[in-house]
Amino acid sequence: MDIIFRPARAEDAPQLGSVHSTAWKETYTGLLPSRLIQERTAEKRAAVFAAQHCRNIAVAISAKHIIGFCGYGKPRDNLIPQNQGEIYGLYVLKQFHRHKIGTELLRMAERNLITEGC
């Protein structure tokens, strides 16, 4: 399986929204109220990614489709020192679990956080 890892681009917003919505359904069905899961539609999530211009997101791509991503950046909590970074979310589609994709996305986020001075 050939996987490409790269920073997200603005045009990735629709695919990121789809992966986020699907991963929530795969992961949280039966654990969270179904209302919460159903509210996370691909369209709503894509709009959030688009509004943020897909900044600070590492993506994994297989066969020209995003199959996972990791969002990262400066801490959102004032109790965490601002010279540290935070992983905002890590999502990999279930069929791609156990291929070290999440591990590589975390490494990419870590390298970017260090480079950006977080």
N, C-alpha and C. Protein backbone atom coordinates (compact mmCIF):
# COMPACT_ATOMS: atom_id res chain seq x y z
N MET A 1 0.85 -1.18 0.00
CA MET A 1 0.00 0.00 0.00
C MET A 1 0.89 1.24 0.00
N ASP A 2 0.74 2.07 -1.02
CA ASP A 2 1.50 3.31 -1.10
C ASP A 2 0.72 4.42 -0.43
N ILE A 3 1.36 5.05 0.56
CA ILE A 3 0.75 6.16 1.29
C ILE A 3 1.64 7.38 1.12
N ILE A 4 1.03 8.49 0.80
CA ILE A 4 1.73 9.77 0.70
C ILE A 4 1.32 10.61 1.91
N PHE A 5 2.30 11.22 2.56
CA PHE A 5 2.04 12.11 3.68
C PHE A 5 2.48 13.51 3.26
N ARG A 6 1.60 14.48 3.51
CA ARG A 6 1.91 15.86 3.15
C ARG A 6 1.03 16.81 3.98
N PRO A 7 1.39 18.10 3.97
CA PRO A 7 0.50 19.08 4.62
C PRO A 7 -0.81 19.20 3.84
N ALA A 8 -1.89 19.45 4.54
CA ALA A 8 -3.18 19.66 3.88
C ALA A 8 -3.15 20.97 3.09
N ARG A 9 -3.99 20.99 2.07
CA ARG A 9 -4.15 22.18 1.24
C ARG A 9 -5.60 22.63 1.34
N ALA A 10 -5.86 23.87 0.97
CA ALA A 10 -7.22 24.42 1.06
C ALA A 10 -8.22 23.56 0.30
N GLU A 11 -7.82 23.01 -0.83
CA GLU A 11 -8.74 22.21 -1.63
C GLU A 11 -9.04 20.84 -1.02
N ASP A 12 -8.36 20.50 0.06
CA ASP A 12 -8.60 19.23 0.74
C ASP A 12 -9.82 19.26 1.68
N ALA A 13 -10.39 20.43 1.90
CA ALA A 13 -11.47 20.57 2.89
C ALA A 13 -12.61 19.56 2.70
N PRO A 14 -13.14 19.35 1.49
CA PRO A 14 -14.22 18.37 1.35
C PRO A 14 -13.82 16.95 1.77
N GLN A 15 -12.62 16.52 1.36
CA GLN A 15 -12.18 15.18 1.74
C GLN A 15 -11.92 15.09 3.25
N LEU A 16 -11.36 16.13 3.83
CA LEU A 16 -11.14 16.13 5.28
C LEU A 16 -12.47 16.03 6.02
N GLY A 17 -13.46 16.75 5.54
CA GLY A 17 -14.79 16.68 6.15
C GLY A 17 -15.37 15.29 6.08
N SER A 18 -15.19 14.64 4.95
CA SER A 18 -15.70 13.28 4.77
C SER A 18 -14.99 12.29 5.68
N VAL A 19 -13.66 12.38 5.76
CA VAL A 19 -12.89 11.48 6.62
C VAL A 19 -13.27 11.71 8.08
N HIS A 20 -13.39 12.96 8.48
CA HIS A 20 -13.73 13.26 9.87
C HIS A 20 -15.11 12.69 10.23
N SER A 21 -16.08 12.92 9.39
CA SER A 21 -17.44 12.42 9.63
C SER A 21 -17.47 10.89 9.67
N THR A 22 -16.83 10.25 8.71
CA THR A 22 -16.80 8.79 8.65
C THR A 22 -16.07 8.20 9.85
N ALA A 23 -14.93 8.77 10.19
CA ALA A 23 -14.16 8.25 11.33
C ALA A 23 -14.95 8.37 12.64
N TRP A 24 -15.69 9.46 12.79
CA TRP A 24 -16.54 9.61 13.99
C TRP A 24 -17.57 8.49 14.04
N LYS A 25 -18.21 8.22 12.92
CA LYS A 25 -19.23 7.15 12.89
C LYS A 25 -18.59 5.80 13.19
N GLU A 26 -17.43 5.53 12.59
CA GLU A 26 -16.76 4.24 12.80
C GLU A 26 -16.30 4.07 14.24
N THR A 27 -15.88 5.14 14.86
CA THR A 27 -15.27 5.06 16.18
C THR A 27 -16.26 5.21 17.32
N TYR A 28 -17.20 6.12 17.20
CA TYR A 28 -18.02 6.49 18.35
C TYR A 28 -19.44 5.94 18.36
N THR A 29 -19.85 5.25 17.30
CA THR A 29 -21.18 4.64 17.30
C THR A 29 -21.25 3.64 18.45
N GLY A 30 -22.27 3.79 19.27
CA GLY A 30 -22.44 2.93 20.43
C GLY A 30 -21.76 3.47 21.68
N LEU A 31 -20.89 4.47 21.52
CA LEU A 31 -20.21 5.07 22.66
C LEU A 31 -20.77 6.45 23.01
N LEU A 32 -21.21 7.16 21.99
CA LEU A 32 -21.77 8.50 22.17
C LEU A 32 -23.21 8.50 21.68
N PRO A 33 -24.01 9.44 22.16
CA PRO A 33 -25.39 9.54 21.65
C PRO A 33 -25.39 9.70 20.13
N SER A 34 -26.27 9.00 19.46
CA SER A 34 -26.31 9.03 18.00
C SER A 34 -26.53 10.44 17.46
N ARG A 35 -27.24 11.27 18.21
CA ARG A 35 -27.46 12.66 17.79
C ARG A 35 -26.13 13.38 17.58
N LEU A 36 -25.18 13.19 18.49
CA LEU A 36 -23.88 13.85 18.36
C LEU A 36 -23.13 13.36 17.12
N ILE A 37 -23.23 12.09 16.86
CA ILE A 37 -22.53 11.52 15.71
C ILE A 37 -23.18 12.01 14.41
N GLN A 38 -24.49 12.02 14.35
CA GLN A 38 -25.19 12.44 13.14
C GLN A 38 -25.00 13.93 12.83
N GLU A 39 -24.75 14.73 13.88
CA GLU A 39 -24.53 16.17 13.68
C GLU A 39 -23.21 16.45 12.97
N ARG A 40 -22.29 15.55 13.03
CA ARG A 40 -20.97 15.74 12.41
C ARG A 40 -21.01 15.30 10.95
N THR A 41 -21.71 16.06 10.15
CA THR A 41 -21.82 15.71 8.73
C THR A 41 -20.54 16.11 8.00
N ALA A 42 -20.31 15.46 6.88
CA ALA A 42 -19.15 15.77 6.06
C ALA A 42 -19.17 17.24 5.61
N GLU A 43 -20.36 17.73 5.28
CA GLU A 43 -20.49 19.12 4.81
C GLU A 43 -20.15 20.12 5.91
N LYS A 44 -20.66 19.88 7.12
CA LYS A 44 -20.37 20.80 8.23
C LYS A 44 -18.89 20.79 8.58
N ARG A 45 -18.30 19.61 8.60
CA ARG A 45 -16.88 19.50 8.94
C ARG A 45 -16.04 20.13 7.83
N ALA A 46 -16.41 19.93 6.57
CA ALA A 46 -15.66 20.53 5.46
C ALA A 46 -15.68 22.05 5.57
N ALA A 47 -16.81 22.61 5.98
CA ALA A 47 -16.91 24.07 6.14
C ALA A 47 -15.96 24.57 7.22
N VAL A 48 -15.81 23.82 8.30
CA VAL A 48 -14.87 24.19 9.37
C VAL A 48 -13.45 24.16 8.84
N PHE A 49 -13.08 23.09 8.13
CA PHE A 49 -11.73 22.99 7.58
C PHE A 49 -11.47 24.11 6.57
N ALA A 50 -12.45 24.40 5.73
CA ALA A 50 -12.30 25.46 4.74
C ALA A 50 -12.11 26.81 5.41
N ALA A 51 -12.86 27.08 6.47
CA ALA A 51 -12.74 28.35 7.19
C ALA A 51 -11.35 28.52 7.80
N GLN A 52 -10.72 27.41 8.14
CA GLN A 52 -9.37 27.44 8.72
C GLN A 52 -8.29 27.30 7.65
N HIS A 53 -8.71 27.25 6.40
CA HIS A 53 -7.79 27.12 5.26
C HIS A 53 -6.92 25.87 5.37
N CYS A 54 -7.42 24.87 6.09
CA CYS A 54 -6.72 23.58 6.24
C CYS A 54 -5.31 23.75 6.79
N ARG A 55 -5.08 24.78 7.60
CA ARG A 55 -3.76 25.01 8.19
C ARG A 55 -3.50 24.01 9.31
N ASN A 56 -2.23 23.71 9.51
CA ASN A 56 -1.77 22.84 10.60
C ASN A 56 -2.45 21.48 10.60
N ILE A 57 -2.52 20.89 9.43
CA ILE A 57 -3.09 19.55 9.29
C ILE A 57 -2.16 18.73 8.40
N ALA A 58 -1.78 17.56 8.89
CA ALA A 58 -1.02 16.60 8.10
C ALA A 58 -2.00 15.57 7.55
N VAL A 59 -1.86 15.20 6.30
CA VAL A 59 -2.78 14.23 5.71
C VAL A 59 -2.03 13.00 5.20
N ALA A 60 -2.76 11.87 5.19
CA ALA A 60 -2.28 10.63 4.59
C ALA A 60 -3.18 10.35 3.39
N ILE A 61 -2.55 10.03 2.26
CA ILE A 61 -3.30 9.84 1.02
C ILE A 61 -2.96 8.47 0.42
N SER A 62 -4.01 7.77 0.02
CA SER A 62 -3.87 6.50 -0.69
C SER A 62 -4.77 6.56 -1.92
N ALA A 63 -4.23 6.21 -3.06
CA ALA A 63 -5.01 6.22 -4.31
C ALA A 63 -5.73 7.56 -4.52
N LYS A 64 -5.03 8.64 -4.26
CA LYS A 64 -5.51 10.01 -4.46
C LYS A 64 -6.64 10.43 -3.51
N HIS A 65 -6.87 9.65 -2.45
CA HIS A 65 -7.92 9.99 -1.48
C HIS A 65 -7.31 10.12 -0.09
N ILE A 66 -7.75 11.14 0.63
CA ILE A 66 -7.31 11.30 2.01
C ILE A 66 -7.92 10.18 2.84
N ILE A 67 -7.08 9.48 3.58
CA ILE A 67 -7.54 8.36 4.41
C ILE A 67 -7.32 8.62 5.89
N GLY A 68 -6.65 9.72 6.21
CA GLY A 68 -6.41 10.07 7.60
C GLY A 68 -5.79 11.45 7.69
N PHE A 69 -5.88 12.03 8.89
CA PHE A 69 -5.27 13.35 9.11
C PHE A 69 -5.01 13.58 10.58
N CYS A 70 -4.12 14.52 10.83
CA CYS A 70 -3.79 14.93 12.19
C CYS A 70 -3.76 16.45 12.22
N GLY A 71 -4.57 17.05 13.08
CA GLY A 71 -4.58 18.49 13.27
C GLY A 71 -3.74 18.84 14.49
N TYR A 72 -2.99 19.92 14.40
CA TYR A 72 -2.06 20.28 15.47
C TYR A 72 -1.86 21.79 15.51
N GLY A 73 -1.25 22.27 16.59
CA GLY A 73 -0.95 23.68 16.69
C GLY A 73 -0.60 24.09 18.09
N LYS A 74 -0.67 25.38 18.33
CA LYS A 74 -0.38 25.91 19.66
C LYS A 74 -1.47 25.45 20.63
N PRO A 75 -1.13 25.33 21.90
CA PRO A 75 -2.14 24.90 22.88
C PRO A 75 -3.33 25.85 22.92
N ARG A 76 -4.51 25.26 23.06
CA ARG A 76 -5.73 26.06 23.16
C ARG A 76 -6.08 26.36 24.61
N ASP A 77 -5.37 25.74 25.52
CA ASP A 77 -5.61 25.91 26.95
C ASP A 77 -4.50 26.78 27.53
N ASN A 78 -4.89 27.83 28.23
CA ASN A 78 -3.91 28.75 28.81
C ASN A 78 -3.05 28.12 29.90
N LEU A 79 -3.45 26.96 30.40
CA LEU A 79 -2.67 26.28 31.44
C LEU A 79 -1.46 25.55 30.87
N ILE A 80 -1.43 25.36 29.55
CA ILE A 80 -0.32 24.68 28.89
C ILE A 80 0.65 25.74 28.38
N PRO A 81 1.95 25.57 28.66
CA PRO A 81 2.93 26.56 28.18
C PRO A 81 2.84 26.74 26.67
N GLN A 82 2.93 27.98 26.22
CA GLN A 82 2.77 28.29 24.80
C GLN A 82 3.94 27.83 23.94
N ASN A 83 5.02 27.36 24.57
CA ASN A 83 6.14 26.84 23.78
C ASN A 83 5.97 25.34 23.52
N GLN A 84 4.83 24.80 23.89
CA GLN A 84 4.51 23.40 23.61
C GLN A 84 3.41 23.35 22.55
N GLY A 85 3.23 22.18 21.97
CA GLY A 85 2.20 22.03 20.96
C GLY A 85 1.07 21.14 21.45
N GLU A 86 0.01 21.10 20.66
CA GLU A 86 -1.15 20.27 20.99
C GLU A 86 -1.61 19.53 19.73
N ILE A 87 -1.98 18.27 19.91
CA ILE A 87 -2.62 17.51 18.85
C ILE A 87 -4.12 17.75 19.01
N TYR A 88 -4.73 18.36 18.01
CA TYR A 88 -6.16 18.67 18.09
C TYR A 88 -7.02 17.46 17.75
N GLY A 89 -6.52 16.62 16.89
CA GLY A 89 -7.28 15.43 16.52
C GLY A 89 -6.46 14.55 15.60
N LEU A 90 -6.71 13.25 15.68
CA LEU A 90 -6.04 12.27 14.82
C LEU A 90 -7.10 11.29 14.37
N TYR A 91 -7.32 11.21 13.07
CA TYR A 91 -8.36 10.34 12.52
C TYR A 91 -7.80 9.56 11.33
N VAL A 92 -8.01 8.25 11.35
CA VAL A 92 -7.64 7.38 10.24
C VAL A 92 -8.85 6.47 9.99
N LEU A 93 -9.25 6.35 8.73
CA LEU A 93 -10.38 5.49 8.41
C LEU A 93 -10.09 4.06 8.87
N LYS A 94 -11.12 3.40 9.36
CA LYS A 94 -10.97 2.09 10.00
C LYS A 94 -10.27 1.07 9.11
N GLN A 95 -10.56 1.04 7.83
CA GLN A 95 -9.96 0.05 6.96
C GLN A 95 -8.44 0.23 6.82
N PHE A 96 -7.92 1.38 7.27
CA PHE A 96 -6.48 1.65 7.19
C PHE A 96 -5.80 1.59 8.55
N HIS A 97 -6.52 1.15 9.57
CA HIS A 97 -5.90 0.97 10.89
C HIS A 97 -4.83 -0.11 10.82
N ARG A 98 -3.90 -0.04 11.74
CA ARG A 98 -2.83 -1.04 11.91
C ARG A 98 -1.82 -1.08 10.76
N HIS A 99 -1.65 0.10 10.13
CA HIS A 99 -0.63 0.23 9.09
C HIS A 99 0.36 1.33 9.43
N LYS A 100 0.36 1.78 10.69
CA LYS A 100 1.28 2.82 11.19
C LYS A 100 1.02 4.20 10.57
N ILE A 101 -0.16 4.39 10.00
CA ILE A 101 -0.50 5.68 9.40
C ILE A 101 -0.65 6.74 10.48
N GLY A 102 -1.34 6.42 11.56
CA GLY A 102 -1.48 7.37 12.66
C GLY A 102 -0.14 7.75 13.26
N THR A 103 0.74 6.77 13.38
CA THR A 103 2.08 7.02 13.92
C THR A 103 2.83 8.02 13.04
N GLU A 104 2.78 7.82 11.74
CA GLU A 104 3.48 8.73 10.83
C GLU A 104 2.84 10.12 10.83
N LEU A 105 1.52 10.20 10.93
CA LEU A 105 0.86 11.51 11.01
C LEU A 105 1.29 12.26 12.27
N LEU A 106 1.40 11.53 13.38
CA LEU A 106 1.86 12.16 14.63
C LEU A 106 3.30 12.64 14.49
N ARG A 107 4.14 11.85 13.87
CA ARG A 107 5.54 12.28 13.65
C ARG A 107 5.61 13.53 12.80
N MET A 108 4.79 13.57 11.76
CA MET A 108 4.78 14.74 10.89
C MET A 108 4.31 15.98 11.67
N ALA A 109 3.26 15.81 12.46
CA ALA A 109 2.77 16.93 13.28
C ALA A 109 3.85 17.38 14.26
N GLU A 110 4.53 16.44 14.88
CA GLU A 110 5.59 16.78 15.83
C GLU A 110 6.70 17.58 15.14
N ARG A 111 7.13 17.12 13.98
CA ARG A 111 8.19 17.84 13.24
C ARG A 111 7.73 19.26 12.91
N ASN A 112 6.49 19.40 12.48
CA ASN A 112 5.97 20.72 12.14
C ASN A 112 5.83 21.62 13.37
N LEU A 113 5.42 21.04 14.49
CA LEU A 113 5.31 21.82 15.72
C LEU A 113 6.68 22.33 16.16
N ILE A 114 7.70 21.49 16.04
CA ILE A 114 9.05 21.89 16.40
C ILE A 114 9.55 22.98 15.46
N THR A 115 9.32 22.80 14.18
CA THR A 115 9.76 23.77 13.17
C THR A 115 9.08 25.13 13.37
N GLU A 116 7.79 25.08 13.74
CA GLU A 116 7.02 26.32 13.91
C GLU A 116 7.23 26.96 15.27
N GLY A 117 8.02 26.32 16.13
CA GLY A 117 8.34 26.90 17.42
C GLY A 117 7.29 26.71 18.50
N CYS A 118 6.43 25.72 18.34
CA CYS A 118 5.42 25.44 19.37
C CYS A 118 6.03 24.56 20.43
